């Protein structure tokens, strides 16, 4: 299957993962760079266990990846998921391959 071919099951999994407001907030927060669960919980003002649960869903949907740094697991967006604005008129967006979601500037 060519890279540009629609993969409906994978696309639906990603859209479902992004269909929860806190997961969208997590993805938006990770735009600025990798963070561990504690950092995300503090930034978002929610319990660490809640953030951890939602990160697991985002990881299963292959939107985030993990890396061990000492005793911490650090989460970041998978390469190609987040696309910064490519011009003054362009908008930042999440690229799922099958579609893209524009992210408003904060």
PDB file of N, CA and C in Angstrom:
ATOM      1  N   UNK A   1       0.846  -1.185   0.000  1.00  0.00           N
ATOM      2  CA  UNK A   1       0.000   0.000   0.000  1.00  0.00           C
ATOM      3  C   UNK A   1       0.886   1.241   0.000  1.00  0.00           C
ATOM      4  N   UNK A   2       0.617   2.168  -0.845  1.00  0.00           N
ATOM      5  CA  UNK A   2       1.393   3.406  -0.930  1.00  0.00           C
ATOM      6  C   UNK A   2       1.180   4.248   0.320  1.00  0.00           C
ATOM      7  N   UNK A   3       2.166   5.064   0.629  1.00  0.00           N
ATOM      8  CA  UNK A   3       2.117   5.888   1.832  1.00  0.00           C
ATOM      9  C   UNK A   3       0.887   6.799   1.865  1.00  0.00           C
ATOM     10  N   UNK A   4       0.434   7.295   0.748  1.00  0.00           N
ATOM     11  CA  UNK A   4      -0.692   8.225   0.701  1.00  0.00           C
ATOM     12  C   UNK A   4      -2.053   7.544   0.668  1.00  0.00           C
ATOM     13  N   UNK A   5      -2.070   6.193   0.570  1.00  0.00           N
ATOM     14  CA  UNK A   5      -3.343   5.482   0.543  1.00  0.00           C
ATOM     15  C   UNK A   5      -4.037   5.593   1.894  1.00  0.00           C
ATOM     16  N   UNK A   6      -5.335   5.750   1.880  1.00  0.00           N
ATOM     17  CA  UNK A   6      -6.129   5.848   3.095  1.00  0.00           C
ATOM     18  C   UNK A   6      -6.091   4.519   3.838  1.00  0.00           C
ATOM     19  N   UNK A   7      -5.785   4.558   5.098  1.00  0.00           N
ATOM     20  CA  UNK A   7      -5.794   3.389   5.963  1.00  0.00           C
ATOM     21  C   UNK A   7      -6.903   3.623   6.988  1.00  0.00           C
ATOM     22  N   UNK A   8      -8.140   3.246   6.669  1.00  0.00           N
ATOM     23  CA  UNK A   8      -9.291   3.635   7.473  1.00  0.00           C
ATOM     24  C   UNK A   8      -9.251   3.169   8.923  1.00  0.00           C
ATOM     25  N   UNK A   9      -8.771   1.977   9.190  1.00  0.00           N
ATOM     26  CA  UNK A   9      -8.753   1.488  10.568  1.00  0.00           C
ATOM     27  C   UNK A   9      -7.778   2.308  11.400  1.00  0.00           C
ATOM     28  N   UNK A  10      -6.572   2.517  10.879  1.00  0.00           N
ATOM     29  CA  UNK A  10      -5.564   3.304  11.599  1.00  0.00           C
ATOM     30  C   UNK A  10      -6.032   4.750  11.785  1.00  0.00           C
ATOM     31  N   UNK A  11      -6.603   5.314  10.748  1.00  0.00           N
ATOM     32  CA  UNK A  11      -7.099   6.686  10.826  1.00  0.00           C
ATOM     33  C   UNK A  11      -8.198   6.803  11.876  1.00  0.00           C
ATOM     34  N   UNK A  12      -9.123   5.849  11.889  1.00  0.00           N
ATOM     35  CA  UNK A  12     -10.218   5.874  12.870  1.00  0.00           C
ATOM     36  C   UNK A  12      -9.679   5.747  14.297  1.00  0.00           C
ATOM     37  N   UNK A  13      -8.647   4.924  14.504  1.00  0.00           N
ATOM     38  CA  UNK A  13      -8.038   4.785  15.832  1.00  0.00           C
ATOM     39  C   UNK A  13      -7.444   6.112  16.294  1.00  0.00           C
ATOM     40  N   UNK A  14      -6.767   6.795  15.387  1.00  0.00           N
ATOM     41  CA  UNK A  14      -6.154   8.075  15.747  1.00  0.00           C
ATOM     42  C   UNK A  14      -7.215   9.127  16.046  1.00  0.00           C
ATOM     43  N   UNK A  15      -8.250   9.185  15.220  1.00  0.00           N
ATOM     44  CA  UNK A  15      -9.320  10.158  15.453  1.00  0.00           C
ATOM     45  C   UNK A  15     -10.041   9.879  16.768  1.00  0.00           C
ATOM     46  N   UNK A  16     -10.261   8.608  17.056  1.00  0.00           N
ATOM     47  CA  UNK A  16     -10.904   8.242  18.318  1.00  0.00           C
ATOM     48  C   UNK A  16     -10.026   8.667  19.501  1.00  0.00           C
ATOM     49  N   UNK A  17      -8.716   8.448  19.379  1.00  0.00           N
ATOM     50  CA  UNK A  17      -7.794   8.835  20.458  1.00  0.00           C
ATOM     51  C   UNK A  17      -7.810  10.345  20.685  1.00  0.00           C
ATOM     52  N   UNK A  18      -7.988  11.110  19.627  1.00  0.00           N
ATOM     53  CA  UNK A  18      -7.999  12.568  19.752  1.00  0.00           C
ATOM     54  C   UNK A  18      -9.386  13.116  20.086  1.00  0.00           C
ATOM     55  N   UNK A  19     -10.367  12.247  20.197  1.00  0.00           N
ATOM     56  CA  UNK A  19     -11.744  12.667  20.442  1.00  0.00           C
ATOM     57  C   UNK A  19     -12.042  13.008  21.893  1.00  0.00           C
ATOM     58  N   UNK A  20     -11.057  13.030  22.743  1.00  0.00           N
ATOM     59  CA  UNK A  20     -11.237  13.353  24.162  1.00  0.00           C
ATOM     60  C   UNK A  20     -10.488  14.651  24.440  1.00  0.00           C
ATOM     61  N   UNK A  21     -11.135  15.630  25.053  1.00  0.00           N
ATOM     62  CA  UNK A  21     -10.502  16.942  25.262  1.00  0.00           C
ATOM     63  C   UNK A  21      -9.150  16.905  25.971  1.00  0.00           C
ATOM     64  N   UNK A  22      -8.998  16.070  26.998  1.00  0.00           N
ATOM     65  CA  UNK A  22      -7.712  16.041  27.696  1.00  0.00           C
ATOM     66  C   UNK A  22      -6.608  15.502  26.799  1.00  0.00           C
ATOM     67  N   UNK A  23      -6.918  14.547  25.958  1.00  0.00           N
ATOM     68  CA  UNK A  23      -5.890  14.024  25.049  1.00  0.00           C
ATOM     69  C   UNK A  23      -5.477  15.080  24.032  1.00  0.00           C
ATOM     70  N   UNK A  24      -6.414  15.877  23.584  1.00  0.00           N
ATOM     71  CA  UNK A  24      -6.054  16.991  22.694  1.00  0.00           C
ATOM     72  C   UNK A  24      -5.162  17.990  23.426  1.00  0.00           C
ATOM     73  N   UNK A  25      -5.460  18.236  24.681  1.00  0.00           N
ATOM     74  CA  UNK A  25      -4.623  19.149  25.477  1.00  0.00           C
ATOM     75  C   UNK A  25      -3.221  18.579  25.662  1.00  0.00           C
ATOM     76  N   UNK A  26      -3.116  17.264  25.863  1.00  0.00           N
ATOM     77  CA  UNK A  26      -1.808  16.620  26.006  1.00  0.00           C
ATOM     78  C   UNK A  26      -1.014  16.785  24.712  1.00  0.00           C
ATOM     79  N   UNK A  27      -1.641  16.489  23.586  1.00  0.00           N
ATOM     80  CA  UNK A  27      -0.966  16.635  22.291  1.00  0.00           C
ATOM     81  C   UNK A  27      -0.518  18.082  22.086  1.00  0.00           C
ATOM     82  N   UNK A  28      -1.384  19.014  22.410  1.00  0.00           N
ATOM     83  CA  UNK A  28      -1.044  20.429  22.256  1.00  0.00           C
ATOM     84  C   UNK A  28       0.146  20.797  23.146  1.00  0.00           C
ATOM     85  N   UNK A  29       0.177  20.283  24.366  1.00  0.00           N
ATOM     86  CA  UNK A  29       1.277  20.570  25.287  1.00  0.00           C
ATOM     87  C   UNK A  29       2.587  19.960  24.790  1.00  0.00           C
ATOM     88  N   UNK A  30       2.513  18.791  24.185  1.00  0.00           N
ATOM     89  CA  UNK A  30       3.721  18.137  23.690  1.00  0.00           C
ATOM     90  C   UNK A  30       4.291  18.810  22.440  1.00  0.00           C
ATOM     91  N   UNK A  31       3.537  19.742  21.854  1.00  0.00           N
ATOM     92  CA  UNK A  31       4.067  20.481  20.697  1.00  0.00           C
ATOM     93  C   UNK A  31       5.351  21.205  21.046  1.00  0.00           C
ATOM     94  N   UNK A  32       5.470  21.641  22.299  1.00  0.00           N
ATOM     95  CA  UNK A  32       6.640  22.428  22.703  1.00  0.00           C
ATOM     96  C   UNK A  32       7.836  21.566  23.058  1.00  0.00           C
ATOM     97  N   UNK A  33       7.659  20.244  23.056  1.00  0.00           N
ATOM     98  CA  UNK A  33       8.775  19.347  23.335  1.00  0.00           C
ATOM     99  C   UNK A  33       8.407  18.236  24.285  1.00  0.00           C
ATOM    100  N   UNK A  34       9.315  17.274  24.451  1.00  0.00           N
ATOM    101  CA  UNK A  34       9.070  16.105  25.294  1.00  0.00           C
ATOM    102  C   UNK A  34       8.850  16.474  26.763  1.00  0.00           C
ATOM    103  N   UNK A  35       7.998  15.673  27.420  1.00  0.00           N
ATOM    104  CA  UNK A  35       7.694  15.888  28.837  1.00  0.00           C
ATOM    105  C   UNK A  35       7.390  14.553  29.501  1.00  0.00           C
ATOM    106  N   UNK A  36       7.649  14.462  30.801  1.00  0.00           N
ATOM    107  CA  UNK A  36       7.268  13.255  31.526  1.00  0.00           C
ATOM    108  C   UNK A  36       5.857  13.425  32.099  1.00  0.00           C
ATOM    109  N   UNK A  37       5.324  12.365  32.671  1.00  0.00           N
ATOM    110  CA  UNK A  37       3.950  12.384  33.178  1.00  0.00           C
ATOM    111  C   UNK A  37       3.772  13.465  34.240  1.00  0.00           C
ATOM    112  N   UNK A  38       4.735  13.599  35.145  1.00  0.00           N
ATOM    113  CA  UNK A  38       4.645  14.609  36.197  1.00  0.00           C
ATOM    114  C   UNK A  38       4.584  16.022  35.641  1.00  0.00           C
ATOM    115  N   UNK A  39       5.408  16.290  34.651  1.00  0.00           N
ATOM    116  CA  UNK A  39       5.398  17.614  34.011  1.00  0.00           C
ATOM    117  C   UNK A  39       4.037  17.894  33.383  1.00  0.00           C
ATOM    118  N   UNK A  40       3.525  16.909  32.635  1.00  0.00           N
ATOM    119  CA  UNK A  40       2.229  17.086  31.975  1.00  0.00           C
ATOM    120  C   UNK A  40       1.115  17.282  32.995  1.00  0.00           C
ATOM    121  N   UNK A  41       1.128  16.495  34.066  1.00  0.00           N
ATOM    122  CA  UNK A  41       0.093  16.610  35.093  1.00  0.00           C
ATOM    123  C   UNK A  41       0.101  18.005  35.716  1.00  0.00           C
ATOM    124  N   UNK A  42       1.283  18.522  35.976  1.00  0.00           N
ATOM    125  CA  UNK A  42       1.401  19.856  36.568  1.00  0.00           C
ATOM    126  C   UNK A  42       0.918  20.938  35.601  1.00  0.00           C
ATOM    127  N   UNK A  43       1.349  20.857  34.361  1.00  0.00           N
ATOM    128  CA  UNK A  43       0.963  21.854  33.353  1.00  0.00           C
ATOM    129  C   UNK A  43      -0.544  21.848  33.121  1.00  0.00           C
ATOM    130  N   UNK A  44      -1.123  20.641  33.052  1.00  0.00           N
ATOM    131  CA  UNK A  44      -2.535  20.507  32.724  1.00  0.00           C
ATOM    132  C   UNK A  44      -3.450  20.582  33.949  1.00  0.00           C
ATOM    133  N   UNK A  45      -2.874  20.497  35.138  1.00  0.00           N
ATOM    134  CA  UNK A  45      -3.675  20.587  36.365  1.00  0.00           C
ATOM    135  C   UNK A  45      -4.560  19.378  36.604  1.00  0.00           C
ATOM    136  N   UNK A  46      -4.053  18.193  36.263  1.00  0.00           N
ATOM    137  CA  UNK A  46      -4.801  16.952  36.495  1.00  0.00           C
ATOM    138  C   UNK A  46      -3.910  15.929  37.190  1.00  0.00           C
ATOM    139  N   UNK A  47      -4.522  14.882  37.713  1.00  0.00           N
ATOM    140  CA  UNK A  47      -3.791  13.832  38.420  1.00  0.00           C
ATOM    141  C   UNK A  47      -2.847  13.090  37.475  1.00  0.00           C
ATOM    142  N   UNK A  48      -1.713  12.652  37.998  1.00  0.00           N
ATOM    143  CA  UNK A  48      -0.739  11.916  37.197  1.00  0.00           C
ATOM    144  C   UNK A  48      -1.333  10.628  36.631  1.00  0.00           C
ATOM    145  N   UNK A  49      -2.154   9.933  37.425  1.00  0.00           N
ATOM    146  CA  UNK A  49      -2.743   8.678  36.960  1.00  0.00           C
ATOM    147  C   UNK A  49      -3.662   8.916  35.763  1.00  0.00           C
ATOM    148  N   UNK A  50      -4.356  10.049  35.755  1.00  0.00           N
ATOM    149  CA  UNK A  50      -5.238  10.394  34.634  1.00  0.00           C
ATOM    150  C   UNK A  50      -4.413  10.670  33.380  1.00  0.00           C
ATOM    151  N   UNK A  51      -3.340  11.434  33.530  1.00  0.00           N
ATOM    152  CA  UNK A  51      -2.457  11.736  32.395  1.00  0.00           C
ATOM    153  C   UNK A  51      -1.846  10.445  31.864  1.00  0.00           C
ATOM    154  N   UNK A  52      -1.402   9.586  32.762  1.00  0.00           N
ATOM    155  CA  UNK A  52      -0.786   8.330  32.362  1.00  0.00           C
ATOM    156  C   UNK A  52      -1.756   7.470  31.547  1.00  0.00           C
ATOM    157  N   UNK A  53      -2.996   7.398  31.991  1.00  0.00           N
ATOM    158  CA  UNK A  53      -4.032   6.646  31.273  1.00  0.00           C
ATOM    159  C   UNK A  53      -4.198   7.183  29.848  1.00  0.00           C
ATOM    160  N   UNK A  54      -4.332   8.478  29.713  1.00  0.00           N
ATOM    161  CA  UNK A  54      -4.553   9.086  28.399  1.00  0.00           C
ATOM    162  C   UNK A  54      -3.314   8.974  27.508  1.00  0.00           C
ATOM    163  N   UNK A  55      -2.123   9.037  28.095  1.00  0.00           N
ATOM    164  CA  UNK A  55      -0.907   8.841  27.312  1.00  0.00           C
ATOM    165  C   UNK A  55      -0.850   7.424  26.752  1.00  0.00           C
ATOM    166  N   UNK A  56      -1.326   6.458  27.513  1.00  0.00           N
ATOM    167  CA  UNK A  56      -1.374   5.077  27.028  1.00  0.00           C
ATOM    168  C   UNK A  56      -2.249   4.953  25.792  1.00  0.00           C
ATOM    169  N   UNK A  57      -3.371   5.649  25.784  1.00  0.00           N
ATOM    170  CA  UNK A  57      -4.271   5.632  24.625  1.00  0.00           C
ATOM    171  C   UNK A  57      -3.606   6.304  23.429  1.00  0.00           C
ATOM    172  N   UNK A  58      -2.965   7.440  23.666  1.00  0.00           N
ATOM    173  CA  UNK A  58      -2.264   8.142  22.576  1.00  0.00           C
ATOM    174  C   UNK A  58      -1.108   7.303  22.035  1.00  0.00           C
ATOM    175  N   UNK A  59      -0.454   6.573  22.914  1.00  0.00           N
ATOM    176  CA  UNK A  59       0.659   5.713  22.479  1.00  0.00           C
ATOM    177  C   UNK A  59       0.122   4.545  21.654  1.00  0.00           C
ATOM    178  N   UNK A  60      -0.983   3.945  22.088  1.00  0.00           N
ATOM    179  CA  UNK A  60      -1.588   2.839  21.328  1.00  0.00           C
ATOM    180  C   UNK A  60      -2.013   3.286  19.931  1.00  0.00           C
ATOM    181  N   UNK A  61      -2.442   4.549  19.821  1.00  0.00           N
ATOM    182  CA  UNK A  61      -2.848   5.098  18.524  1.00  0.00           C
ATOM    183  C   UNK A  61      -1.642   5.571  17.709  1.00  0.00           C
ATOM    184  N   UNK A  62      -0.457   5.372  18.259  1.00  0.00           N
ATOM    185  CA  UNK A  62       0.807   5.738  17.601  1.00  0.00           C
ATOM    186  C   UNK A  62       0.926   7.238  17.324  1.00  0.00           C
ATOM    187  N   UNK A  63       0.412   8.027  18.262  1.00  0.00           N
ATOM    188  CA  UNK A  63       0.540   9.482  18.150  1.00  0.00           C
ATOM    189  C   UNK A  63       1.708   9.998  18.979  1.00  0.00           C
ATOM    190  N   UNK A  64       2.027   9.288  20.065  1.00  0.00           N
ATOM    191  CA  UNK A  64       3.166   9.669  20.905  1.00  0.00           C
ATOM    192  C   UNK A  64       4.131   8.498  21.007  1.00  0.00           C
ATOM    193  N   UNK A  65       5.360   8.826  21.346  1.00  0.00           N
ATOM    194  CA  UNK A  65       6.382   7.803  21.564  1.00  0.00           C
ATOM    195  C   UNK A  65       7.012   8.052  22.929  1.00  0.00           C
ATOM    196  N   UNK A  66       7.725   7.054  23.438  1.00  0.00           N
ATOM    197  CA  UNK A  66       8.350   7.164  24.747  1.00  0.00           C
ATOM    198  C   UNK A  66       9.849   6.945  24.641  1.00  0.00           C
ATOM    199  N   UNK A  67      10.529   7.506  25.630  1.00  0.00           N
ATOM    200  CA  UNK A  67      11.965   7.319  25.744  1.00  0.00           C
ATOM    201  C   UNK A  67      12.311   7.360  27.222  1.00  0.00           C
ATOM    202  N   UNK A  68      13.098   6.404  27.668  1.00  0.00           N
ATOM    203  CA  UNK A  68      13.517   6.394  29.069  1.00  0.00           C
ATOM    204  C   UNK A  68      14.687   7.360  29.235  1.00  0.00           C
ATOM    205  N   UNK A  69      14.555   8.243  30.214  1.00  0.00           N
ATOM    206  CA  UNK A  69      15.634   9.169  30.571  1.00  0.00           C
ATOM    207  C   UNK A  69      15.848   9.030  32.067  1.00  0.00           C
ATOM    208  N   UNK A  70      16.838   8.227  32.432  1.00  0.00           N
ATOM    209  CA  UNK A  70      17.062   7.942  33.844  1.00  0.00           C
ATOM    210  C   UNK A  70      15.894   7.147  34.397  1.00  0.00           C
ATOM    211  N   UNK A  71      15.280   7.648  35.458  1.00  0.00           N
ATOM    212  CA  UNK A  71      14.133   6.945  36.050  1.00  0.00           C
ATOM    213  C   UNK A  71      12.802   7.407  35.482  1.00  0.00           C
ATOM    214  N   UNK A  72      12.832   8.313  34.532  1.00  0.00           N
ATOM    215  CA  UNK A  72      11.606   8.865  33.955  1.00  0.00           C
ATOM    216  C   UNK A  72      11.345   8.323  32.559  1.00  0.00           C
ATOM    217  N   UNK A  73      10.068   8.210  32.232  1.00  0.00           N
ATOM    218  CA  UNK A  73       9.649   7.932  30.867  1.00  0.00           C
ATOM    219  C   UNK A  73       9.203   9.272  30.297  1.00  0.00           C
ATOM    220  N   UNK A  74       9.795   9.671  29.190  1.00  0.00           N
ATOM    221  CA  UNK A  74       9.501  10.956  28.582  1.00  0.00           C
ATOM    222  C   UNK A  74       8.676  10.705  27.312  1.00  0.00           C
ATOM    223  N   UNK A  75       7.608  11.473  27.179  1.00  0.00           N
ATOM    224  CA  UNK A  75       6.695  11.345  26.041  1.00  0.00           C
ATOM    225  C   UNK A  75       6.918  12.492  25.073  1.00  0.00           C
ATOM    226  N   UNK A  76       6.812  12.167  23.796  1.00  0.00           N
ATOM    227  CA  UNK A  76       6.894  13.191  22.755  1.00  0.00           C
ATOM    228  C   UNK A  76       5.998  12.758  21.604  1.00  0.00           C
ATOM    229  N   UNK A  77       5.671  13.710  20.755  1.00  0.00           N
ATOM    230  CA  UNK A  77       4.866  13.399  19.585  1.00  0.00           C
ATOM    231  C   UNK A  77       5.719  12.620  18.591  1.00  0.00           C
ATOM    232  N   UNK A  78       5.120  11.643  17.960  1.00  0.00           N
ATOM    233  CA  UNK A  78       5.840  10.905  16.913  1.00  0.00           C
ATOM    234  C   UNK A  78       6.204  11.854  15.788  1.00  0.00           C
ATOM    235  N   UNK A  79       7.318  11.578  15.153  1.00  0.00           N
ATOM    236  CA  UNK A  79       7.778  12.412  14.045  1.00  0.00           C
ATOM    237  C   UNK A  79       6.704  12.479  12.967  1.00  0.00           C
ATOM    238  N   UNK A  80       6.437  13.680  12.499  1.00  0.00           N
ATOM    239  CA  UNK A  80       5.463  13.887  11.436  1.00  0.00           C
ATOM    240  C   UNK A  80       4.047  14.133  11.916  1.00  0.00           C
ATOM    241  N   UNK A  81       3.768  13.913  13.214  1.00  0.00           N
ATOM    242  CA  UNK A  81       2.405  14.134  13.726  1.00  0.00           C
ATOM    243  C   UNK A  81       2.105  15.622  13.818  1.00  0.00           C
ATOM    244  N   UNK A  82       3.031  16.382  14.379  1.00  0.00           N
ATOM    245  CA  UNK A  82       2.821  17.825  14.526  1.00  0.00           C
ATOM    246  C   UNK A  82       3.527  18.550  13.396  1.00  0.00           C
ATOM    247  N   UNK A  83       2.812  19.432  12.758  1.00  0.00           N
ATOM    248  CA  UNK A  83       3.380  20.241  11.677  1.00  0.00           C
ATOM    249  C   UNK A  83       3.262  21.710  12.045  1.00  0.00           C
ATOM    250  N   UNK A  84       4.392  22.378  12.248  1.00  0.00           N
ATOM    251  CA  UNK A  84       4.324  23.818  12.518  1.00  0.00           C
ATOM    252  C   UNK A  84       3.835  24.569  11.281  1.00  0.00           C
ATOM    253  N   UNK A  85       3.433  25.795  11.490  1.00  0.00           N
ATOM    254  CA  UNK A  85       2.990  26.630  10.367  1.00  0.00           C
ATOM    255  C   UNK A  85       4.139  26.771   9.377  1.00  0.00           C
ATOM    256  N   UNK A  86       3.840  26.601   8.096  1.00  0.00           N
ATOM    257  CA  UNK A  86       4.892  26.693   7.087  1.00  0.00           C
ATOM    258  C   UNK A  86       4.999  28.075   6.473  1.00  0.00           C
ATOM    259  N   UNK A  87       4.130  28.986   6.894  1.00  0.00           N
ATOM    260  CA  UNK A  87       4.206  30.365   6.422  1.00  0.00           C
ATOM    261  C   UNK A  87       3.449  31.238   7.414  1.00  0.00           C
ATOM    262  N   UNK A  88       3.495  32.534   7.197  1.00  0.00           N
ATOM    263  CA  UNK A  88       2.782  33.450   8.094  1.00  0.00           C
ATOM    264  C   UNK A  88       1.282  33.188   8.067  1.00  0.00           C
ATOM    265  N   UNK A  89       0.773  32.733   6.942  1.00  0.00           N
ATOM    266  CA  UNK A  89      -0.662  32.454   6.815  1.00  0.00           C
ATOM    267  C   UNK A  89      -1.023  31.020   7.176  1.00  0.00           C
ATOM    268  N   UNK A  90      -0.034  30.147   7.166  1.00  0.00           N
ATOM    269  CA  UNK A  90      -0.284  28.742   7.472  1.00  0.00           C
ATOM    270  C   UNK A  90      -0.636  28.547   8.931  1.00  0.00           C
ATOM    271  N   UNK A  91      -1.207  27.409   9.249  1.00  0.00           N
ATOM    272  CA  UNK A  91      -1.554  27.139  10.634  1.00  0.00           C
ATOM    273  C   UNK A  91      -0.891  25.850  11.099  1.00  0.00           C
ATOM    274  N   UNK A  92      -0.611  25.788  12.389  1.00  0.00           N
ATOM    275  CA  UNK A  92      -0.073  24.571  12.957  1.00  0.00           C
ATOM    276  C   UNK A  92      -1.159  23.506  12.879  1.00  0.00           C
ATOM    277  N   UNK A  93      -0.737  22.256  12.679  1.00  0.00           N
ATOM    278  CA  UNK A  93      -1.735  21.205  12.604  1.00  0.00           C
ATOM    279  C   UNK A  93      -1.158  19.849  12.981  1.00  0.00           C
ATOM    280  N   UNK A  94      -2.065  18.958  13.330  1.00  0.00           N
ATOM    281  CA  UNK A  94      -1.736  17.569  13.579  1.00  0.00           C
ATOM    282  C   UNK A  94      -2.016  16.842  12.274  1.00  0.00           C
ATOM    283  N   UNK A  95      -1.015  16.151  11.768  1.00  0.00           N
ATOM    284  CA  UNK A  95      -1.144  15.452  10.493  1.00  0.00           C
ATOM    285  C   UNK A  95      -1.310  13.962  10.762  1.00  0.00           C
ATOM    286  N   UNK A  96      -2.503  13.433  10.482  1.00  0.00           N
ATOM    287  CA  UNK A  96      -2.771  12.017  10.699  1.00  0.00           C
ATOM    288  C   UNK A  96      -2.567  11.190   9.439  1.00  0.00           C
ATOM    289  N   UNK A  97      -2.195  11.837   8.368  1.00  0.00           N
ATOM    290  CA  UNK A  97      -2.035  11.140   7.103  1.00  0.00           C
ATOM    291  C   UNK A  97      -3.338  11.107   6.326  1.00  0.00           C
ATOM    292  N   UNK A  98      -4.413  10.709   6.989  1.00  0.00           N
ATOM    293  CA  UNK A  98      -5.726  10.654   6.337  1.00  0.00           C
ATOM    294  C   UNK A  98      -6.431  11.999   6.412  1.00  0.00           C
ATOM    295  N   UNK A  99      -6.050  12.810   7.361  1.00  0.00           N
ATOM    296  CA  UNK A  99      -6.633  14.135   7.535  1.00  0.00           C
ATOM    297  C   UNK A  99      -5.714  14.942   8.439  1.00  0.00           C
ATOM    298  N   UNK A 100      -6.042  16.205   8.596  1.00  0.00           N
ATOM    299  CA  UNK A 100      -5.255  17.035   9.509  1.00  0.00           C
ATOM    300  C   UNK A 100      -6.193  17.872  10.359  1.00  0.00           C
ATOM    301  N   UNK A 101      -5.754  18.147  11.574  1.00  0.00           N
ATOM    302  CA  UNK A 101      -6.512  18.951  12.517  1.00  0.00           C
ATOM    303  C   UNK A 101      -5.725  20.210  12.796  1.00  0.00           C
ATOM    304  N   UNK A 102      -6.315  21.354  12.486  1.00  0.00           N
ATOM    305  CA  UNK A 102      -5.629  22.623  12.732  1.00  0.00           C
ATOM    306  C   UNK A 102      -5.676  22.948  14.221  1.00  0.00           C
ATOM    307  N   UNK A 103      -4.580  23.507  14.693  1.00  0.00           N
ATOM    308  CA  UNK A 103      -4.447  23.855  16.104  1.00  0.00           C
ATOM    309  C   UNK A 103      -4.422  25.373  16.204  1.00  0.00           C
ATOM    310  N   UNK A 104      -5.383  25.944  16.945  1.00  0.00           N
ATOM    311  CA  UNK A 104      -5.372  27.395  17.087  1.00  0.00           C
ATOM    312  C   UNK A 104      -4.145  27.857  17.870  1.00  0.00           C
ATOM    313  N   UNK A 105      -3.679  29.038  17.537  1.00  0.00           N
ATOM    314  CA  UNK A 105      -2.548  29.619  18.275  1.00  0.00           C
ATOM    315  C   UNK A 105      -3.029  29.994  19.658  1.00  0.00           C
ATOM    316  N   UNK A 106      -2.161  29.737  20.636  1.00  0.00           N
ATOM    317  CA  UNK A 106      -2.530  30.021  22.036  1.00  0.00           C
ATOM    318  C   UNK A 106      -2.328  31.472  22.367  1.00  0.00           C
TER     319      UNK A 106
END
